[in-house]
Protein backbone atom coordinates (compact mmCIF):
# COMPACT_ATOMS: atom_id res chain seq x y z
CA UNK A 1 -26.65 22.87 -2.30
CA UNK A 2 -25.47 19.34 -2.66
CA UNK A 3 -26.05 17.02 0.37
CA UNK A 4 -24.14 14.01 1.89
CA UNK A 5 -24.92 11.67 4.63
CA UNK A 6 -22.79 10.99 7.69
CA UNK A 7 -22.21 7.41 6.42
CA UNK A 8 -21.13 8.61 2.99
CA UNK A 9 -18.93 11.31 4.44
CA UNK A 10 -17.22 8.85 6.95
CA UNK A 11 -16.49 6.22 4.18
CA UNK A 12 -15.28 8.84 1.72
CA UNK A 13 -12.94 10.26 4.49
CA UNK A 14 -11.59 6.69 4.90
CA UNK A 15 -11.22 6.14 1.23
CA UNK A 16 -9.38 9.51 0.64
CA UNK A 17 -7.06 8.73 3.63
CA UNK A 18 -6.15 5.25 2.27
CA UNK A 19 -8.05 3.40 5.02
CA UNK A 20 -10.96 2.04 3.02
CA UNK A 21 -9.69 -1.50 2.14
CA UNK A 22 -12.12 -4.16 1.03
CA UNK A 23 -9.08 -6.46 0.83
CA UNK A 24 -5.70 -6.26 2.61
CA UNK A 25 -2.83 -4.81 0.59
CA UNK A 26 -0.24 -7.12 -0.71
CA UNK A 27 3.16 -7.32 0.94
CA UNK A 28 5.84 -5.26 -1.16
CA UNK A 29 8.26 -7.42 -2.94
CA UNK A 30 11.25 -5.53 -1.81
CA UNK A 31 12.43 -2.48 0.27
CA UNK A 32 12.54 -0.45 -2.92
CA UNK A 33 8.92 -1.36 -3.90
CA UNK A 34 7.99 -0.52 -0.10
CA UNK A 35 9.66 2.80 -0.35
CA UNK A 36 7.96 3.60 -3.56
CA UNK A 37 4.58 2.64 -2.08
CA UNK A 38 5.30 4.93 0.98
CA UNK A 39 6.09 7.86 -1.35
CA UNK A 40 2.87 7.09 -3.39
CA UNK A 41 0.84 7.09 -0.10
CA UNK A 42 2.40 10.33 1.06
CA UNK A 43 1.47 11.93 -2.17
CA UNK A 44 -2.07 10.75 -1.68
CA UNK A 45 -2.24 11.86 2.10
CA UNK A 46 -0.59 15.23 1.41
CA UNK A 47 1.35 15.14 4.70
CA UNK A 48 2.36 12.94 7.48
CA UNK A 49 2.78 14.68 10.89
CA UNK A 50 6.05 14.05 12.89
CA UNK A 51 6.24 13.40 16.48
CA UNK A 52 9.07 12.19 18.72
CA UNK A 53 7.19 9.64 20.85
CA UNK A 54 8.07 6.05 20.09
CA UNK A 55 6.54 4.28 23.04
CA UNK A 56 4.49 1.90 20.91
CA UNK A 57 7.53 0.69 19.08
CA UNK A 58 7.65 3.28 16.24
CA UNK A 59 7.12 7.02 15.91
CA UNK A 60 3.80 8.30 14.56
CA UNK A 61 4.84 8.91 10.91
CA UNK A 62 6.00 5.27 10.75
CA UNK A 63 2.72 4.01 12.33
CA UNK A 64 0.73 5.97 9.67
CA UNK A 65 2.58 3.95 6.84
CA UNK A 66 2.27 0.64 8.80
CA UNK A 67 -1.55 1.19 9.15
CA UNK A 68 -2.06 1.48 5.44
CA UNK A 69 0.57 -0.66 3.94
CA UNK A 70 1.11 -4.35 4.85
CA UNK A 71 4.66 -5.69 5.13
CA UNK A 72 6.53 -2.51 5.03
CA UNK A 73 9.73 -2.53 7.18
CA UNK A 74 9.41 0.12 9.84
CA UNK A 75 13.01 1.03 9.04
CA UNK A 76 12.14 1.90 5.49
CA UNK A 77 9.13 4.09 6.58
CA UNK A 78 11.49 5.86 9.00
CA UNK A 79 14.04 6.73 6.38
CA UNK A 80 11.90 8.34 3.66
CA UNK A 81 13.54 11.79 3.92
CA UNK A 82 16.83 11.37 1.99
CA UNK A 83 18.60 13.13 -0.76
CA UNK A 84 16.66 13.23 -4.05
CA UNK A 85 13.61 11.71 -2.48
CA UNK A 86 10.33 13.20 -3.43
CA UNK A 87 9.62 14.56 0.09
CA UNK A 88 10.56 17.56 2.15
CA UNK A 89 10.01 18.44 5.82
CA UNK A 90 8.32 21.58 6.72
CA UNK A 91 5.40 23.23 8.63
CA UNK A 92 2.18 21.83 7.35
CA UNK A 93 -0.39 20.89 9.85
CA UNK A 94 2.53 20.67 12.29
CA UNK A 95 6.06 19.75 11.44
CA UNK A 96 5.51 17.16 8.72
CA UNK A 97 6.87 15.27 5.75
CA UNK A 98 5.10 16.70 2.69
CA UNK A 99 5.25 15.62 -1.02
CA UNK A 100 7.94 17.54 -2.94
CA UNK A 101 5.18 18.49 -5.35
CA UNK A 102 3.88 20.95 -2.68
CA UNK A 103 7.00 22.64 -2.01
CA UNK A 104 6.29 25.78 -4.10
CA UNK A 105 2.87 26.16 -2.39
CA UNK A 106 4.63 27.11 0.80
CA UNK A 107 6.63 29.95 -0.73
CA UNK A 108 4.29 32.42 0.97
CA UNK A 109 4.81 30.83 4.43
CA UNK A 110 8.64 30.96 3.90
CA UNK A 111 8.34 34.63 2.92
CA UNK A 112 6.32 35.30 6.09
CA UNK A 113 8.53 33.49 8.33
CA UNK A 114 11.62 35.27 7.05
CA UNK A 115 10.17 38.44 8.34
CA UNK A 116 8.99 36.95 11.68
CA UNK A 117 9.00 33.38 13.11
CA UNK A 118 5.66 32.47 14.54
CA UNK A 119 7.14 31.71 17.99
CA UNK A 120 10.12 34.10 18.23
CA UNK A 121 9.25 37.08 16.15
CA UNK A 122 11.99 38.80 13.95
CA UNK A 123 14.74 36.53 15.32
CA UNK A 124 16.68 36.53 12.04
CA UNK A 125 16.76 40.25 11.78
CA UNK A 126 17.77 40.65 15.41
CA UNK A 127 20.61 38.17 15.14
CA UNK A 128 21.73 38.66 11.41
CA UNK A 129 25.41 38.15 12.09
CA UNK A 130 25.02 34.99 13.95
CA UNK A 131 22.51 33.62 11.29
CA UNK A 132 25.02 34.30 8.47
CA UNK A 133 27.64 32.58 10.45
CA UNK A 134 25.57 29.49 10.86
CA UNK A 135 24.78 29.35 7.18
CA UNK A 136 28.52 29.73 6.39
CA UNK A 137 29.42 26.87 8.62
CA UNK A 138 26.80 24.60 6.99
CA UNK A 139 28.06 25.77 3.57
CA UNK A 140 31.54 24.91 4.44
CA UNK A 141 31.32 21.83 6.64
CA UNK A 142 28.15 20.24 4.91
CA UNK A 143 24.97 19.04 6.79
CA UNK A 144 25.02 19.69 10.48
CA UNK A 145 22.81 18.85 13.50
CA UNK A 146 21.88 21.38 16.12
CA UNK A 147 24.15 19.36 18.43
CA UNK A 148 27.19 20.04 16.33
CA UNK A 149 26.95 23.78 17.24
CA UNK A 150 28.49 24.71 20.70
CA UNK A 151 26.22 27.28 22.29
CA UNK A 152 26.25 28.15 25.99
CA UNK A 153 23.64 30.84 25.69
CA UNK A 154 20.61 30.60 28.04
CA UNK A 155 18.01 28.18 26.98
CA UNK A 156 14.37 29.30 26.61
CA UNK A 157 11.32 27.53 28.10
CA UNK A 158 11.57 24.77 25.54
CA UNK A 159 15.27 24.06 26.19
CA UNK A 160 16.32 25.72 22.95
CA UNK A 161 19.69 27.66 22.85
CA UNK A 162 19.89 30.77 20.62
CA UNK A 163 21.63 28.63 17.89
CA UNK A 164 18.87 26.05 17.91
CA UNK A 165 16.14 28.85 17.64
CA UNK A 166 18.10 30.38 14.67
CA UNK A 167 18.39 27.02 12.98
CA UNK A 168 14.64 26.56 13.26
CA UNK A 169 14.04 30.22 11.98
CA UNK A 170 16.48 29.59 9.04
CA UNK A 171 14.70 26.36 8.17
CA UNK A 172 11.25 27.95 8.50
CA UNK A 173 12.30 30.85 6.15
CA UNK A 174 13.61 28.47 3.55
CA UNK A 175 17.37 29.55 4.03
CA UNK A 176 18.11 25.95 5.33
CA UNK A 177 16.29 22.65 4.66
CA UNK A 178 16.20 19.25 6.44
CA UNK A 179 18.39 16.81 4.41
CA UNK A 180 17.75 13.62 6.49
CA UNK A 181 16.66 12.38 9.84
CA UNK A 182 19.28 10.03 11.17
CA UNK A 183 18.02 8.66 14.55
CA UNK A 184 15.24 11.29 14.17
CA UNK A 185 17.73 14.20 14.54
CA UNK A 186 17.32 17.02 11.97
CA UNK A 187 20.21 17.26 9.63
CA UNK A 188 20.25 20.83 8.29
CA UNK A 189 21.70 21.76 4.94
CA UNK A 190 21.55 24.67 2.45
CA UNK A 191 18.21 24.67 0.72
CA UNK A 192 19.96 24.54 -2.71
CA UNK A 193 21.64 21.27 -1.88
CA UNK A 194 18.23 19.69 -0.83
CA UNK A 195 15.47 21.15 -3.07
CA UNK A 196 15.83 20.67 -6.90
CA UNK A 197 16.51 23.99 -8.55
CA UNK A 198 13.38 24.02 -10.77
CA UNK A 199 11.12 23.43 -7.77
CA UNK A 200 12.97 25.87 -5.54
CA UNK A 201 12.62 28.73 -7.99
CA UNK A 202 8.97 28.48 -8.29
CA UNK A 203 7.22 31.38 -6.43
CA UNK A 204 3.46 31.31 -7.00
CA UNK A 205 1.27 34.11 -5.49
CA UNK A 206 -0.29 33.76 -2.14
CA UNK A 207 -3.66 33.18 -3.70
CA UNK A 208 -2.50 30.45 -6.04
CA UNK A 209 -0.62 28.75 -3.17
CA UNK A 210 -3.50 28.72 -0.76
CA UNK A 211 -5.98 27.59 -3.46
CA UNK A 212 -3.47 24.70 -4.18
CA UNK A 213 -3.28 23.77 -0.48
CA UNK A 214 -6.98 23.94 -0.07
CA UNK A 215 -7.58 21.68 -3.09
CA UNK A 216 -5.12 19.10 -1.57
CA UNK A 217 -6.82 19.35 1.76
CA UNK A 218 -10.21 18.64 0.33
CA UNK A 219 -8.57 15.70 -1.61
CA UNK A 220 -7.36 14.32 1.75
CA UNK A 221 -10.64 14.69 3.57
CA UNK A 222 -13.32 14.09 0.98
CA UNK A 223 -16.02 16.26 2.64
CA UNK A 224 -14.86 18.94 5.02
CA UNK A 225 -16.00 22.12 6.72
CA UNK A 226 -14.16 25.38 6.19
CA UNK A 227 -12.43 25.27 9.54
CA UNK A 228 -11.09 21.84 8.97
CA UNK A 229 -9.59 22.86 5.63
CA UNK A 230 -8.09 25.92 7.23
CA UNK A 231 -6.50 23.94 10.12
CA UNK A 232 -5.09 21.27 7.90
CA UNK A 233 -2.35 23.67 6.76
CA UNK A 234 -2.76 26.36 9.54
CA UNK A 235 -4.03 28.89 6.95
CA UNK A 236 -5.57 32.40 7.69
CA UNK A 237 -9.31 32.00 7.70
CA UNK A 238 -9.81 35.15 5.54
CA UNK A 239 -7.54 33.77 2.82
CA UNK A 240 -9.21 30.43 2.96
CA UNK A 241 -12.72 31.86 2.56
CA UNK A 242 -11.76 33.90 -0.61
CA UNK A 243 -9.97 30.98 -2.16
CA UNK A 244 -12.77 28.49 -1.53
CA UNK A 245 -15.27 30.72 -3.25
CA UNK A 246 -12.79 31.20 -6.17
CA UNK A 247 -12.32 27.39 -6.48
CA UNK A 248 -16.15 27.09 -6.45
CA UNK A 249 -16.46 29.73 -9.21
CA UNK A 250 -14.08 27.59 -11.28
CA UNK A 251 -16.11 24.43 -10.86
CA UNK A 252 -13.46 22.64 -8.92
CA UNK A 253 -15.62 22.12 -5.85
CA UNK A 254 -19.17 22.66 -4.48
CA UNK A 255 -20.74 23.58 -1.21
CA UNK A 256 -22.20 20.43 0.42
CA UNK A 257 -24.30 20.03 3.51
CA UNK A 258 -23.76 17.00 5.68
CA UNK A 259 -27.13 15.87 6.87
CA UNK A 260 -27.03 14.22 10.33
CA UNK A 261 -29.19 11.34 11.52
CA UNK A 262 -31.27 14.02 13.47
CA UNK A 263 -31.66 16.02 10.22
CA UNK A 264 -29.35 18.82 11.17
CA UNK A 265 -27.09 20.25 8.43
CA UNK A 266 -23.44 21.14 8.59
CA UNK A 267 -22.22 23.20 5.64
CA UNK A 268 -19.02 22.11 4.14
CA UNK A 269 -17.21 21.52 0.79
CA UNK A 270 -16.61 18.58 -1.51
CA UNK A 271 -14.86 18.03 -4.83
CA UNK A 272 -17.28 17.48 -7.65
CA UNK A 273 -15.51 14.17 -8.57
CA UNK A 274 -16.05 12.94 -5.02
CA UNK A 275 -19.98 13.26 -5.02
CA UNK A 276 -20.42 10.13 -7.03
CA UNK A 277 -17.72 8.22 -5.23
CA UNK A 278 -19.43 9.04 -1.84
CA UNK A 279 -22.73 7.76 -3.03
CA UNK A 280 -21.22 4.51 -4.25
CA UNK A 281 -19.43 3.97 -1.00
CA UNK A 282 -22.55 4.60 0.98
CA UNK A 283 -24.24 1.65 -0.88
CA UNK A 284 -21.76 -0.88 0.37
CA UNK A 285 -23.60 -3.02 2.76
CA UNK A 286 -21.04 -4.53 5.09
CA UNK A 287 -17.48 -3.45 4.78
CA UNK A 288 -14.89 -6.05 5.73
CA UNK A 289 -13.70 -5.76 9.42
CA UNK A 290 -9.94 -5.75 8.85
CA UNK A 291 -8.80 -4.21 12.05
CA UNK A 292 -6.09 -1.51 12.10
CA UNK A 293 -4.48 0.54 14.73
CA UNK A 294 -4.12 4.22 14.10
CA UNK A 295 -1.56 6.64 15.55
CA UNK A 296 -3.19 9.21 17.82
CA UNK A 297 -1.40 11.83 15.46
CA UNK A 298 -2.93 10.32 12.39
CA UNK A 299 -4.30 12.97 9.81
CA UNK A 300 -7.74 11.27 10.11
CA UNK A 301 -7.93 11.94 14.00
CA UNK A 302 -6.55 15.42 14.76
CA UNK A 303 -9.78 17.23 14.19
CA UNK A 304 -11.70 16.00 17.31
CA UNK A 305 -14.95 17.65 16.37
CA UNK A 306 -14.93 16.14 13.01
CA UNK A 307 -14.17 12.67 14.49
CA UNK A 308 -17.06 12.84 16.80
CA UNK A 309 -19.28 14.06 13.80
CA UNK A 310 -18.26 11.29 11.49
CA UNK A 311 -17.63 8.29 13.72
CA UNK A 312 -19.29 9.25 17.03
CA UNK A 313 -15.93 8.72 18.68
CA UNK A 314 -14.40 10.96 21.40
CA UNK A 315 -10.74 11.27 20.29
CA UNK A 316 -8.73 12.28 23.26
CA UNK A 317 -4.89 12.70 23.16
CA UNK A 318 -3.47 12.30 26.72
CA UNK A 319 0.26 12.09 26.16
CA UNK A 320 0.55 15.56 27.73
CA UNK A 321 -1.63 14.94 30.69
CA UNK A 322 -0.41 13.89 34.08
CA UNK A 323 -0.90 10.03 34.58
CA UNK A 324 -3.63 10.55 37.28
CA UNK A 325 -5.65 12.57 34.82
CA UNK A 326 -5.69 10.17 32.01
CA UNK A 327 -8.95 8.37 31.08
CA UNK A 328 -7.66 5.97 28.42
CA UNK A 329 -3.77 5.89 28.60
CA UNK A 330 -0.55 7.57 27.57
CA UNK A 331 -0.30 6.44 23.93
CA UNK A 332 -3.84 5.41 23.09
CA UNK A 333 -4.28 4.08 19.66
CA UNK A 334 -7.81 3.97 18.20
CA UNK A 335 -8.83 0.73 16.51
CA UNK A 336 -10.49 0.99 12.96
CA UNK A 337 -12.72 -2.00 11.97
CA UNK A 338 -14.52 -1.68 8.64
CA UNK A 339 -15.89 1.87 8.87
CA UNK A 340 -16.06 2.17 12.60
CA UNK A 341 -13.72 3.24 15.40
CA UNK A 342 -14.40 0.39 17.72
CA UNK A 343 -11.88 0.41 20.56
CA UNK A 344 -8.72 2.07 21.83
CA UNK A 345 -5.48 0.35 22.98
CA UNK A 346 -2.66 1.79 25.21
CA UNK A 347 0.43 0.13 23.90
CA UNK A 348 4.06 0.05 24.99
CA UNK A 349 6.86 -1.75 23.27
CA UNK A 350 9.71 -3.46 25.14
CA UNK A 351 12.66 -4.06 22.94
CA UNK A 352 14.60 -5.97 25.52
CA UNK A 353 11.83 -8.66 25.52
CA UNK A 354 10.82 -8.28 22.03
CA UNK A 355 7.19 -7.64 23.20
CA UNK A 356 4.38 -5.21 22.37
CA UNK A 357 2.57 -4.82 25.74
CA UNK A 358 -1.14 -3.96 25.78
CA UNK A 359 -1.60 -1.73 28.87
CA UNK A 360 -5.30 -1.34 28.39
CA UNK A 361 -8.01 -2.14 25.97
CA UNK A 362 -11.31 -0.25 25.89
CA UNK A 363 -14.23 -1.12 23.61
CA UNK A 364 -16.76 1.45 22.29
CA UNK A 365 -20.47 0.99 22.88
CA UNK A 366 -21.89 -1.49 20.28
CA UNK A 367 -18.62 -3.43 19.72
CA UNK A 368 -19.51 -6.83 18.23
CA UNK A 369 -17.80 -10.18 18.35
CA UNK A 370 -16.40 -9.52 14.89
CA UNK A 371 -15.14 -5.97 15.93
CA UNK A 372 -13.47 -7.57 18.98
CA UNK A 373 -11.74 -10.10 16.79
CA UNK A 374 -10.50 -7.26 14.42
CA UNK A 375 -9.14 -5.46 17.42
CA UNK A 376 -7.03 -8.51 18.50
CA UNK A 377 -5.99 -8.86 14.71
CA UNK A 378 -5.04 -5.17 14.58
CA UNK A 379 -2.82 -5.59 17.60
CA UNK A 380 -1.19 -8.84 16.31
CA UNK A 381 -0.59 -7.09 12.90
CA UNK A 382 1.17 -4.21 14.47
CA UNK A 383 3.27 -6.42 16.69
CA UNK A 384 4.31 -8.46 13.60
CA UNK A 385 5.27 -5.36 11.59
CA UNK A 386 7.44 -4.23 14.59
CA UNK A 387 9.03 -7.67 14.84
CA UNK A 388 7.43 -8.11 18.30
CA UNK A 389 4.93 -10.38 19.90
CA UNK A 390 1.77 -9.03 21.71
CA UNK A 391 1.44 -9.65 25.33
CA UNK A 392 -0.76 -8.68 28.26
CA UNK A 393 -3.91 -8.48 26.32
CA UNK A 394 -6.53 -7.83 29.00
CA UNK A 395 -10.10 -8.46 29.01
CA UNK A 396 -11.62 -5.58 27.26
CA UNK A 397 -13.86 -3.00 29.11
CA UNK A 398 -16.25 -0.63 27.87
CA UNK A 399 -15.15 2.98 27.34
CA UNK A 400 -16.95 5.66 29.40
């Protein structure tokens, strides 16, 4: 079995996720070039998770692009989902923007969700007439938001009317697609008016689809354990195990043990082409400490166990906790400096005053003067990208 060190796996993860940057990226020459750079990055990342929270001045998917591409207008990053763009919205890790090149790989999921929605069961079967009526209205009137449908039916625990649940189910089954996101509202349209015909008609087998998604997940992560690969796309563990062994038999990947500093081994997987890259990255002596703030929903961070293993960092998401129970803050953004997660900032943008307020700043153990400067530079960089100025920068305190 191949082996990899924690240092090599950490740096490989950063390189594969577009965060290993010996030099800052150049500012795009125009909005068009910025848009192309965003699409290229999305193709590399495999998905960008969506979330409604914009307290830090932009929503999570915009922050992902700002963290990796200097000089991109946040408005451009927020408007990537548009007609004829190489991106679609669907259930990946969560609701995500995904490269159009992966649309056919989710055919099995659309088939599964046509039979039963993961939250609401056989909703389309139980309300066939109403579902047909919704599709007819979209066909005749053009793209519509859920708010365009009048529905006085009782709301469920999430506040969804029956019509809104059916719209979600029709989107999940592939009968409808998201055409655009004006003001972050889903604009539903017929799938044939959103997804190119040649792509829409592809229907690979379940085995081929899951193998494709696993290969892309491994390309995103560099080295990863089976559970991480399965959770990247929310894939059934049995299907994942079978497909991984099939990919190994074809020579596309290898089992690889991560060796911790204490000598313990964690069995995972790596693409053969990444073994040499990981070794080269491990030989870099001192990566440049260009500080960058990461969204708490960044694809690098959602696997808390993996973040602890590779970075020694306790990634905690507290947006859903009561204020009194939060340790770090409501929208706490980790700071990456070089190949370390060195601090975390709780930020709040104030559009009226044009400021990005730092509510708290906590340093990790071992944070050096250089890392401290990288943290301040990261805050200033995000503030500049948002067209704001940082304020309220407190004296940092150690994370407990």
